[in-house]
């Protein structure tokens, strides 16, 4: 069986200077690049997810509540949707999510016509490590779905950035309860 690294939403809009910036996002992008460069044989595959919105409906709001609605971000064709330049890893596949609806988990995304779960099965992946942005939103959702798919799932917290301490703590509790292994310390 194989091991994969899932890099979640390391995009310009989620890093400093972006429309929905998470503190420490740019550093996480660079840290992920270093991690993969220092451990080239740790994973058989490296994949990435990205928010890739066209018209996600009520996900965008002019007065967002930052729970269910958000300011416009990662809109297809904008600089904000691009992978952050500090993250220079060349993934084996990129899974786009959220074109016409809110999408938090990378397992809602597709690369071509293939969903992330199918892609991992096709490549005989049974173990995944999850990194990226944001610990308390898309990293959380992706790791929970990975565990629900029966994958041995670890979140490498040193390579994540979260929105706020309370929501990070809730996310970590959710992940532990789902049997996800947590390594390192989350950044907030």
N, C-alpha and C. Protein backbone atom coordinates (compact mmCIF):
# COMPACT_ATOMS: atom_id res chain seq x y z
N UNK A 1 0.84 -1.18 0.00
CA UNK A 1 0.00 0.00 0.00
C UNK A 1 0.89 1.25 0.00
N UNK A 2 0.25 2.41 -0.21
CA UNK A 2 1.01 3.64 -0.41
C UNK A 2 0.58 4.73 0.58
N UNK A 3 1.44 5.73 0.69
CA UNK A 3 1.22 6.87 1.57
C UNK A 3 1.18 8.14 0.72
N UNK A 4 0.24 9.04 1.05
CA UNK A 4 0.13 10.30 0.31
C UNK A 4 0.13 11.48 1.27
N UNK A 5 0.65 12.59 0.80
CA UNK A 5 0.55 13.87 1.48
C UNK A 5 -0.55 14.65 0.80
N UNK A 6 -1.52 15.14 1.57
CA UNK A 6 -2.58 16.00 1.03
C UNK A 6 -2.32 17.41 1.52
N UNK A 7 -2.04 18.32 0.59
CA UNK A 7 -1.78 19.73 0.89
C UNK A 7 -3.09 20.49 0.63
N UNK A 8 -3.65 21.05 1.68
CA UNK A 8 -4.98 21.66 1.61
C UNK A 8 -4.90 23.17 1.44
N UNK A 9 -5.41 23.66 0.31
CA UNK A 9 -5.75 25.06 0.09
C UNK A 9 -4.65 26.07 0.44
N UNK A 10 -3.43 25.81 0.02
CA UNK A 10 -2.34 26.76 0.26
C UNK A 10 -2.35 27.76 -0.90
N UNK A 11 -3.32 28.68 -0.81
CA UNK A 11 -3.59 29.63 -1.89
C UNK A 11 -3.37 31.06 -1.43
N UNK A 12 -3.14 31.94 -2.39
CA UNK A 12 -2.85 33.34 -2.08
C UNK A 12 -3.93 33.99 -1.21
N UNK A 13 -5.20 33.73 -1.49
CA UNK A 13 -6.25 34.39 -0.71
C UNK A 13 -6.29 33.94 0.74
N UNK A 14 -5.70 32.79 1.07
CA UNK A 14 -5.69 32.30 2.44
C UNK A 14 -4.40 32.66 3.18
N UNK A 15 -3.51 33.39 2.52
CA UNK A 15 -2.25 33.82 3.13
C UNK A 15 -2.26 35.34 3.28
N UNK A 16 -1.32 35.84 4.05
CA UNK A 16 -1.24 37.27 4.30
C UNK A 16 -1.36 38.06 2.99
N UNK A 17 -2.19 39.08 3.02
CA UNK A 17 -2.43 39.90 1.84
C UNK A 17 -3.61 39.43 1.00
N UNK A 18 -4.14 38.24 1.28
CA UNK A 18 -5.27 37.71 0.54
C UNK A 18 -6.60 38.17 1.12
N UNK A 19 -7.67 37.89 0.42
CA UNK A 19 -9.00 38.36 0.83
C UNK A 19 -9.55 37.64 2.06
N UNK A 20 -9.00 36.49 2.40
CA UNK A 20 -9.45 35.72 3.57
C UNK A 20 -8.21 35.14 4.25
N UNK A 21 -7.28 36.05 4.57
CA UNK A 21 -5.95 35.66 5.03
C UNK A 21 -5.99 35.01 6.41
N UNK A 22 -5.15 33.99 6.55
CA UNK A 22 -4.93 33.31 7.82
C UNK A 22 -3.50 33.65 8.24
N UNK A 23 -3.35 34.15 9.45
CA UNK A 23 -2.02 34.50 9.95
C UNK A 23 -1.12 33.27 9.92
N UNK A 24 0.07 33.44 9.35
CA UNK A 24 1.02 32.35 9.25
C UNK A 24 0.89 31.52 7.99
N UNK A 25 -0.05 31.86 7.13
CA UNK A 25 -0.28 31.08 5.92
C UNK A 25 0.93 31.04 5.00
N UNK A 26 1.58 32.18 4.79
CA UNK A 26 2.74 32.22 3.89
C UNK A 26 3.89 31.39 4.46
N UNK A 27 4.06 31.43 5.78
CA UNK A 27 5.11 30.62 6.41
C UNK A 27 4.81 29.13 6.26
N UNK A 28 3.55 28.76 6.42
CA UNK A 28 3.16 27.35 6.23
C UNK A 28 3.45 26.91 4.80
N UNK A 29 3.18 27.78 3.84
CA UNK A 29 3.47 27.45 2.44
C UNK A 29 4.95 27.12 2.26
N UNK A 30 5.82 27.96 2.83
CA UNK A 30 7.26 27.72 2.73
C UNK A 30 7.66 26.46 3.51
N UNK A 31 7.07 26.28 4.69
CA UNK A 31 7.40 25.11 5.51
C UNK A 31 7.02 23.81 4.82
N UNK A 32 5.91 23.80 4.10
CA UNK A 32 5.50 22.59 3.37
C UNK A 32 6.50 22.29 2.26
N UNK A 33 6.94 23.33 1.57
CA UNK A 33 7.96 23.15 0.53
C UNK A 33 9.21 22.53 1.13
N UNK A 34 9.65 23.04 2.27
CA UNK A 34 10.84 22.51 2.93
C UNK A 34 10.63 21.08 3.39
N UNK A 35 9.45 20.79 3.94
CA UNK A 35 9.14 19.44 4.42
C UNK A 35 9.27 18.43 3.28
N UNK A 36 8.65 18.72 2.16
CA UNK A 36 8.69 17.79 1.03
C UNK A 36 10.12 17.69 0.47
N UNK A 37 10.83 18.80 0.43
CA UNK A 37 12.20 18.79 -0.07
C UNK A 37 13.15 18.00 0.81
N UNK A 38 12.93 18.07 2.13
CA UNK A 38 13.80 17.38 3.08
C UNK A 38 13.47 15.89 3.22
N UNK A 39 12.26 15.51 2.83
CA UNK A 39 11.82 14.12 2.97
C UNK A 39 11.20 13.62 1.66
N UNK A 40 11.97 13.59 0.58
CA UNK A 40 11.40 13.26 -0.73
C UNK A 40 10.84 11.84 -0.83
N UNK A 41 11.29 10.95 0.03
CA UNK A 41 10.83 9.56 -0.05
C UNK A 41 9.76 9.22 0.99
N UNK A 42 9.33 10.21 1.74
CA UNK A 42 8.34 9.94 2.81
C UNK A 42 6.97 9.57 2.24
N UNK A 43 6.62 10.16 1.09
CA UNK A 43 5.31 9.92 0.49
C UNK A 43 5.47 9.35 -0.92
N UNK A 44 4.58 8.44 -1.25
CA UNK A 44 4.55 7.91 -2.61
C UNK A 44 3.91 8.91 -3.56
N UNK A 45 2.97 9.69 -3.01
CA UNK A 45 2.24 10.68 -3.81
C UNK A 45 2.04 11.94 -2.99
N UNK A 46 2.03 13.07 -3.69
CA UNK A 46 1.69 14.36 -3.08
C UNK A 46 0.57 14.96 -3.92
N UNK A 47 -0.54 15.27 -3.26
CA UNK A 47 -1.67 15.90 -3.95
C UNK A 47 -2.01 17.20 -3.24
N UNK A 48 -2.71 18.06 -3.93
CA UNK A 48 -3.13 19.34 -3.35
C UNK A 48 -4.61 19.56 -3.64
N UNK A 49 -5.22 20.33 -2.76
CA UNK A 49 -6.60 20.77 -3.00
C UNK A 49 -6.58 22.29 -3.11
N UNK A 50 -7.61 22.81 -3.76
CA UNK A 50 -7.75 24.27 -3.78
C UNK A 50 -9.21 24.64 -3.90
N UNK A 51 -9.57 25.69 -3.18
CA UNK A 51 -10.86 26.33 -3.39
C UNK A 51 -10.79 26.91 -4.79
N UNK A 52 -11.86 26.74 -5.55
CA UNK A 52 -11.84 27.19 -6.94
C UNK A 52 -13.25 27.61 -7.31
N UNK A 53 -13.64 28.78 -6.79
CA UNK A 53 -15.02 29.23 -6.86
C UNK A 53 -15.34 29.96 -8.16
N UNK A 54 -16.50 29.62 -8.72
CA UNK A 54 -17.05 30.35 -9.86
C UNK A 54 -18.24 31.17 -9.36
N UNK A 55 -19.25 30.49 -8.84
CA UNK A 55 -20.41 31.14 -8.23
C UNK A 55 -20.92 30.23 -7.13
N UNK A 56 -20.31 30.31 -5.94
CA UNK A 56 -20.67 29.39 -4.87
C UNK A 56 -21.92 29.78 -4.09
N UNK A 57 -22.76 30.61 -4.67
CA UNK A 57 -24.04 30.95 -4.04
C UNK A 57 -23.87 31.64 -2.71
N UNK A 58 -24.58 31.14 -1.70
CA UNK A 58 -24.61 31.78 -0.39
C UNK A 58 -23.30 31.65 0.39
N UNK A 59 -22.32 30.95 -0.15
CA UNK A 59 -21.01 30.85 0.49
C UNK A 59 -20.35 32.23 0.56
N UNK A 60 -20.58 33.07 -0.44
CA UNK A 60 -20.07 34.43 -0.47
C UNK A 60 -21.16 35.38 0.03
N UNK A 61 -20.76 36.36 0.81
CA UNK A 61 -21.72 37.35 1.31
C UNK A 61 -21.06 38.71 1.43
N UNK A 62 -21.83 39.76 1.20
CA UNK A 62 -21.30 41.11 1.37
C UNK A 62 -21.11 41.43 2.86
N UNK A 63 -21.91 40.78 3.72
CA UNK A 63 -21.74 40.90 5.17
C UNK A 63 -21.61 39.49 5.74
N UNK A 64 -20.43 38.89 5.59
CA UNK A 64 -20.25 37.50 6.00
C UNK A 64 -20.30 37.31 7.51
N UNK A 65 -20.74 36.11 7.92
CA UNK A 65 -20.75 35.78 9.35
C UNK A 65 -19.50 35.01 9.77
N UNK A 66 -18.64 34.65 8.82
CA UNK A 66 -17.39 33.93 9.05
C UNK A 66 -17.62 32.58 9.73
N UNK A 67 -18.81 32.04 9.55
CA UNK A 67 -19.15 30.69 9.99
C UNK A 67 -19.64 29.90 8.78
N UNK A 68 -20.68 30.44 8.15
CA UNK A 68 -21.26 29.81 6.96
C UNK A 68 -21.08 30.66 5.71
N UNK A 69 -20.85 31.95 5.90
CA UNK A 69 -20.67 32.86 4.77
C UNK A 69 -19.34 33.59 4.93
N UNK A 70 -18.74 33.93 3.77
CA UNK A 70 -17.39 34.47 3.74
C UNK A 70 -17.29 35.55 2.67
N UNK A 71 -16.31 36.44 2.77
CA UNK A 71 -16.10 37.37 1.66
C UNK A 71 -15.63 36.59 0.43
N UNK A 72 -15.81 37.14 -0.77
CA UNK A 72 -15.33 36.44 -1.95
C UNK A 72 -13.85 36.09 -1.83
N UNK A 73 -13.51 34.86 -2.24
CA UNK A 73 -12.14 34.38 -2.15
C UNK A 73 -11.93 33.27 -3.17
N UNK A 74 -10.70 33.09 -3.58
CA UNK A 74 -10.30 31.99 -4.48
C UNK A 74 -11.22 31.86 -5.69
N UNK A 75 -11.52 32.99 -6.30
CA UNK A 75 -12.37 33.00 -7.49
C UNK A 75 -11.53 32.60 -8.70
N UNK A 76 -12.04 31.67 -9.49
CA UNK A 76 -11.35 31.19 -10.67
C UNK A 76 -10.93 32.38 -11.54
N UNK A 77 -9.69 32.35 -11.97
CA UNK A 77 -9.18 33.40 -12.85
C UNK A 77 -8.55 34.57 -12.11
N UNK A 78 -8.59 34.55 -10.78
CA UNK A 78 -7.98 35.63 -10.01
C UNK A 78 -6.65 35.16 -9.41
N UNK A 79 -5.81 36.12 -9.06
CA UNK A 79 -4.55 35.81 -8.41
C UNK A 79 -4.78 35.09 -7.08
N UNK A 80 -5.86 35.44 -6.39
CA UNK A 80 -6.15 34.84 -5.09
C UNK A 80 -6.39 33.34 -5.14
N UNK A 81 -6.80 32.81 -6.28
CA UNK A 81 -7.05 31.37 -6.42
C UNK A 81 -5.76 30.59 -6.65
N UNK A 82 -4.68 31.29 -6.96
CA UNK A 82 -3.41 30.62 -7.28
C UNK A 82 -2.77 30.03 -6.03
N UNK A 83 -2.03 28.95 -6.21
CA UNK A 83 -1.21 28.39 -5.14
C UNK A 83 -0.21 29.46 -4.71
N UNK A 84 -0.01 29.59 -3.40
CA UNK A 84 0.91 30.62 -2.90
C UNK A 84 2.32 30.36 -3.43
N UNK A 85 3.05 31.43 -3.84
CA UNK A 85 4.37 31.23 -4.43
C UNK A 85 5.40 30.61 -3.48
N UNK A 86 5.18 30.68 -2.17
CA UNK A 86 6.11 30.03 -1.23
C UNK A 86 5.99 28.51 -1.25
N UNK A 87 4.91 28.01 -1.82
CA UNK A 87 4.69 26.56 -1.88
C UNK A 87 5.02 26.11 -3.30
N UNK A 88 6.23 25.61 -3.47
CA UNK A 88 6.72 25.26 -4.82
C UNK A 88 6.71 23.77 -5.08
N UNK A 89 5.99 23.01 -4.25
CA UNK A 89 5.84 21.58 -4.46
C UNK A 89 5.05 21.35 -5.74
N UNK A 90 5.45 20.37 -6.52
CA UNK A 90 4.75 20.03 -7.75
C UNK A 90 3.89 18.79 -7.48
N UNK A 91 2.59 18.97 -7.16
CA UNK A 91 1.76 17.81 -6.78
C UNK A 91 1.48 16.89 -7.97
N UNK A 92 1.21 15.64 -7.62
CA UNK A 92 0.84 14.65 -8.63
C UNK A 92 -0.55 14.93 -9.21
N UNK A 93 -1.40 15.59 -8.41
CA UNK A 93 -2.74 15.97 -8.87
C UNK A 93 -3.23 17.12 -7.99
N UNK A 94 -4.07 17.99 -8.57
CA UNK A 94 -4.72 19.08 -7.83
C UNK A 94 -6.22 18.86 -7.93
N UNK A 95 -6.89 18.92 -6.79
CA UNK A 95 -8.33 18.69 -6.71
C UNK A 95 -9.03 20.01 -6.42
N UNK A 96 -9.82 20.48 -7.39
CA UNK A 96 -10.55 21.74 -7.27
C UNK A 96 -11.91 21.49 -6.65
N UNK A 97 -12.31 22.40 -5.75
CA UNK A 97 -13.59 22.23 -5.05
C UNK A 97 -14.31 23.57 -4.93
N UNK A 98 -15.63 23.48 -4.85
CA UNK A 98 -16.43 24.66 -4.55
C UNK A 98 -16.81 25.54 -5.71
N UNK A 99 -16.84 25.03 -6.92
CA UNK A 99 -17.18 25.89 -8.06
C UNK A 99 -18.54 26.56 -7.87
N UNK A 100 -19.55 25.78 -7.48
CA UNK A 100 -20.91 26.32 -7.39
C UNK A 100 -21.57 26.12 -6.03
N UNK A 101 -20.78 25.77 -5.03
CA UNK A 101 -21.30 25.59 -3.68
C UNK A 101 -20.14 25.68 -2.70
N UNK A 102 -20.46 25.86 -1.44
CA UNK A 102 -19.41 25.81 -0.42
C UNK A 102 -18.79 24.42 -0.45
N UNK A 103 -17.51 24.33 -0.25
CA UNK A 103 -16.82 23.04 -0.19
C UNK A 103 -15.62 23.20 0.72
N UNK A 104 -15.62 22.47 1.79
CA UNK A 104 -14.53 22.56 2.75
C UNK A 104 -13.55 21.40 2.60
N UNK A 105 -14.06 20.22 2.38
CA UNK A 105 -13.20 19.04 2.31
C UNK A 105 -12.61 18.87 0.92
N UNK A 106 -11.34 18.49 0.89
CA UNK A 106 -10.71 18.14 -0.38
C UNK A 106 -11.40 16.97 -1.05
N UNK A 107 -12.13 16.16 -0.28
CA UNK A 107 -12.85 15.02 -0.84
C UNK A 107 -14.09 15.45 -1.63
N UNK A 108 -14.40 16.74 -1.60
CA UNK A 108 -15.47 17.29 -2.45
C UNK A 108 -14.90 17.74 -3.79
N UNK A 109 -13.59 17.70 -3.94
CA UNK A 109 -12.95 18.19 -5.15
C UNK A 109 -12.71 17.11 -6.18
N UNK A 110 -12.39 17.57 -7.39
CA UNK A 110 -12.08 16.67 -8.49
C UNK A 110 -10.83 17.15 -9.22
N UNK A 111 -10.15 16.19 -9.81
CA UNK A 111 -9.05 16.46 -10.72
C UNK A 111 -9.49 15.83 -12.03
N UNK A 112 -9.83 16.68 -13.00
CA UNK A 112 -10.51 16.16 -14.19
C UNK A 112 -11.86 15.64 -13.76
N UNK A 113 -12.14 14.38 -14.03
CA UNK A 113 -13.42 13.79 -13.62
C UNK A 113 -13.28 12.89 -12.40
N UNK A 114 -12.12 12.88 -11.77
CA UNK A 114 -11.87 11.94 -10.68
C UNK A 114 -11.86 12.66 -9.34
N UNK A 115 -12.62 12.15 -8.40
CA UNK A 115 -12.63 12.68 -7.04
C UNK A 115 -11.41 12.21 -6.28
N UNK A 116 -11.11 12.91 -5.18
CA UNK A 116 -9.93 12.59 -4.39
C UNK A 116 -9.98 11.17 -3.83
N UNK A 117 -11.12 10.74 -3.30
CA UNK A 117 -11.21 9.38 -2.74
C UNK A 117 -10.90 8.33 -3.80
N UNK A 118 -11.47 8.48 -4.98
CA UNK A 118 -11.23 7.52 -6.06
C UNK A 118 -9.77 7.54 -6.49
N UNK A 119 -9.21 8.74 -6.60
CA UNK A 119 -7.81 8.86 -7.01
C UNK A 119 -6.91 8.12 -6.03
N UNK A 120 -7.16 8.32 -4.73
CA UNK A 120 -6.35 7.64 -3.72
C UNK A 120 -6.53 6.12 -3.80
N UNK A 121 -7.76 5.65 -3.99
CA UNK A 121 -7.99 4.21 -4.15
C UNK A 121 -7.26 3.68 -5.38
N UNK A 122 -7.37 4.41 -6.49
CA UNK A 122 -6.72 3.99 -7.73
C UNK A 122 -5.21 3.86 -7.57
N UNK A 123 -4.63 4.63 -6.65
CA UNK A 123 -3.20 4.61 -6.42
C UNK A 123 -2.83 3.80 -5.17
N UNK A 124 -3.79 3.01 -4.68
CA UNK A 124 -3.59 2.09 -3.56
C UNK A 124 -3.07 2.78 -2.31
N UNK A 125 -3.53 4.01 -2.08
CA UNK A 125 -3.14 4.77 -0.89
C UNK A 125 -4.00 4.31 0.28
N UNK A 126 -3.35 3.97 1.40
CA UNK A 126 -4.09 3.60 2.61
C UNK A 126 -3.75 4.51 3.78
N UNK A 127 -2.74 5.37 3.62
CA UNK A 127 -2.29 6.26 4.69
C UNK A 127 -2.08 7.66 4.11
N UNK A 128 -2.61 8.67 4.82
CA UNK A 128 -2.44 10.05 4.37
C UNK A 128 -1.98 10.93 5.53
N UNK A 129 -1.16 11.90 5.19
CA UNK A 129 -0.81 13.00 6.08
C UNK A 129 -1.45 14.24 5.48
N UNK A 130 -2.03 15.07 6.33
CA UNK A 130 -2.75 16.26 5.88
C UNK A 130 -2.07 17.49 6.45
N UNK A 131 -1.85 18.50 5.59
CA UNK A 131 -1.24 19.77 5.97
C UNK A 131 -2.00 20.88 5.25
N UNK A 132 -1.78 22.14 5.64
CA UNK A 132 -2.34 23.25 4.88
C UNK A 132 -3.14 24.25 5.69
N UNK A 133 -4.09 24.87 5.02
CA UNK A 133 -4.86 25.98 5.56
C UNK A 133 -6.35 25.72 5.34
N UNK A 134 -7.16 25.96 6.26
CA UNK A 134 -6.97 26.36 7.65
C UNK A 134 -7.27 25.16 8.53
N UNK A 135 -6.47 25.04 9.59
CA UNK A 135 -6.58 23.91 10.50
C UNK A 135 -8.01 23.66 10.92
N UNK A 136 -8.73 24.72 11.23
CA UNK A 136 -10.07 24.63 11.81
C UNK A 136 -11.20 24.63 10.78
N UNK A 137 -10.87 24.60 9.51
CA UNK A 137 -11.90 24.57 8.48
C UNK A 137 -11.60 23.47 7.46
N UNK A 138 -10.85 23.79 6.42
CA UNK A 138 -10.66 22.84 5.32
C UNK A 138 -9.71 21.69 5.67
N UNK A 139 -8.69 21.95 6.49
CA UNK A 139 -7.83 20.85 6.93
C UNK A 139 -8.66 19.89 7.77
N UNK A 140 -9.43 20.42 8.70
CA UNK A 140 -10.30 19.61 9.55
C UNK A 140 -11.24 18.76 8.71
N UNK A 141 -11.96 19.38 7.78
CA UNK A 141 -12.94 18.67 6.96
C UNK A 141 -12.28 17.59 6.10
N UNK A 142 -11.13 17.91 5.54
CA UNK A 142 -10.42 16.94 4.69
C UNK A 142 -9.95 15.75 5.52
N UNK A 143 -9.38 16.00 6.69
CA UNK A 143 -8.89 14.91 7.53
C UNK A 143 -10.04 14.05 8.04
N UNK A 144 -11.16 14.67 8.40
CA UNK A 144 -12.32 13.89 8.85
C UNK A 144 -12.83 12.99 7.72
N UNK A 145 -12.89 13.52 6.51
CA UNK A 145 -13.35 12.70 5.39
C UNK A 145 -12.35 11.60 5.04
N UNK A 146 -11.06 11.88 5.19
CA UNK A 146 -10.05 10.85 4.95
C UNK A 146 -10.25 9.69 5.93
N UNK A 147 -10.46 10.02 7.19
CA UNK A 147 -10.69 8.97 8.20
C UNK A 147 -11.97 8.21 7.89
N UNK A 148 -13.02 8.93 7.48
CA UNK A 148 -14.30 8.29 7.14
C UNK A 148 -14.15 7.35 5.94
N UNK A 149 -13.18 7.64 5.07
CA UNK A 149 -12.89 6.78 3.91
C UNK A 149 -12.08 5.55 4.31
N UNK A 150 -11.72 5.46 5.59
CA UNK A 150 -10.97 4.31 6.08
C UNK A 150 -9.46 4.45 5.94
N UNK A 151 -9.00 5.64 5.65
CA UNK A 151 -7.56 5.88 5.51
C UNK A 151 -6.93 6.14 6.88
N UNK A 152 -5.74 5.63 7.11
CA UNK A 152 -4.97 5.99 8.30
C UNK A 152 -4.57 7.44 8.12
N UNK A 153 -5.07 8.32 8.99
CA UNK A 153 -4.97 9.76 8.75
C UNK A 153 -4.22 10.45 9.88
N UNK A 154 -3.25 11.26 9.51
CA UNK A 154 -2.50 12.08 10.45
C UNK A 154 -2.51 13.51 9.96
N UNK A 155 -2.76 14.46 10.87
CA UNK A 155 -2.60 15.88 10.56
C UNK A 155 -1.27 16.31 11.15
N UNK A 156 -0.41 16.85 10.31
CA UNK A 156 0.90 17.37 10.74
C UNK A 156 0.70 18.84 11.11
N UNK A 157 0.40 19.08 12.38
CA UNK A 157 -0.03 20.40 12.84
C UNK A 157 1.02 21.49 12.67
N UNK A 158 2.31 21.12 12.67
CA UNK A 158 3.35 22.13 12.46
C UNK A 158 3.29 22.72 11.06
N UNK A 159 2.54 22.09 10.18
CA UNK A 159 2.45 22.52 8.78
C UNK A 159 1.02 22.93 8.44
N UNK A 160 0.33 23.49 9.45
CA UNK A 160 -1.01 24.03 9.27
C UNK A 160 -1.06 25.42 9.88
N UNK A 161 -2.03 26.19 9.46
CA UNK A 161 -2.32 27.49 10.07
C UNK A 161 -3.82 27.56 10.27
N UNK A 162 -4.24 28.04 11.44
CA UNK A 162 -5.65 28.10 11.75
C UNK A 162 -6.13 29.52 11.95
N UNK A 163 -7.46 29.65 12.00
CA UNK A 163 -8.08 30.97 12.09
C UNK A 163 -8.07 31.50 13.52
N UNK A 164 -8.55 30.71 14.47
CA UNK A 164 -8.64 31.21 15.85
C UNK A 164 -8.47 30.07 16.84
N UNK A 165 -7.94 30.40 18.00
CA UNK A 165 -7.69 29.41 19.05
C UNK A 165 -8.92 28.59 19.40
N UNK A 166 -10.09 29.22 19.64
CA UNK A 166 -11.26 28.40 20.02
C UNK A 166 -11.70 27.43 18.92
N UNK A 167 -11.70 27.87 17.68
CA UNK A 167 -12.15 26.97 16.61
C UNK A 167 -11.09 25.91 16.30
N UNK A 168 -9.82 26.23 16.52
CA UNK A 168 -8.77 25.23 16.36
C UNK A 168 -8.96 24.14 17.42
N UNK A 169 -9.18 24.53 18.65
CA UNK A 169 -9.36 23.54 19.73
C UNK A 169 -10.56 22.64 19.45
N UNK A 170 -11.65 23.21 18.97
CA UNK A 170 -12.82 22.41 18.62
C UNK A 170 -12.47 21.43 17.49
N UNK A 171 -11.76 21.92 16.50
CA UNK A 171 -11.36 21.06 15.38
C UNK A 171 -10.48 19.91 15.86
N UNK A 172 -9.53 20.19 16.74
CA UNK A 172 -8.64 19.14 17.24
C UNK A 172 -9.42 18.10 18.01
N UNK A 173 -10.41 18.53 18.78
CA UNK A 173 -11.27 17.58 19.50
C UNK A 173 -12.02 16.71 18.51
N UNK A 174 -12.60 17.33 17.47
CA UNK A 174 -13.33 16.57 16.43
C UNK A 174 -12.42 15.54 15.77
N UNK A 175 -11.21 15.93 15.47
CA UNK A 175 -10.27 15.05 14.79
C UNK A 175 -9.87 13.87 15.69
N UNK A 176 -9.55 14.17 16.95
CA UNK A 176 -9.20 13.09 17.89
C UNK A 176 -10.35 12.09 18.02
N UNK A 177 -11.57 12.61 18.15
CA UNK A 177 -12.75 11.74 18.31
C UNK A 177 -12.98 10.86 17.09
N UNK A 178 -12.53 11.32 15.92
CA UNK A 178 -12.68 10.55 14.68
C UNK A 178 -11.52 9.58 14.47
N UNK A 179 -10.57 9.55 15.39
CA UNK A 179 -9.44 8.63 15.27
C UNK A 179 -8.29 9.14 14.44
N UNK A 180 -8.29 10.45 14.16
CA UNK A 180 -7.19 11.05 13.40
C UNK A 180 -6.01 11.27 14.34
N UNK A 181 -4.82 10.92 13.90
CA UNK A 181 -3.60 11.17 14.68
C UNK A 181 -3.18 12.62 14.48
N UNK A 182 -2.82 13.28 15.57
CA UNK A 182 -2.34 14.66 15.51
C UNK A 182 -0.90 14.69 15.93
N UNK A 183 -0.05 15.27 15.09
CA UNK A 183 1.38 15.41 15.39
C UNK A 183 1.76 16.88 15.34
N UNK A 184 2.51 17.34 16.33
CA UNK A 184 2.99 18.72 16.34
C UNK A 184 2.07 19.67 17.06
N UNK A 185 2.28 20.96 16.80
CA UNK A 185 1.54 22.02 17.47
C UNK A 185 0.89 22.92 16.43
N UNK A 186 -0.42 23.18 16.58
CA UNK A 186 -1.07 24.05 15.58
C UNK A 186 -0.62 25.49 15.70
N UNK A 187 -0.57 26.18 14.57
CA UNK A 187 -0.26 27.60 14.54
C UNK A 187 -1.56 28.37 14.44
N UNK A 188 -1.67 29.44 15.21
CA UNK A 188 -2.88 30.28 15.12
C UNK A 188 -2.50 31.73 15.20
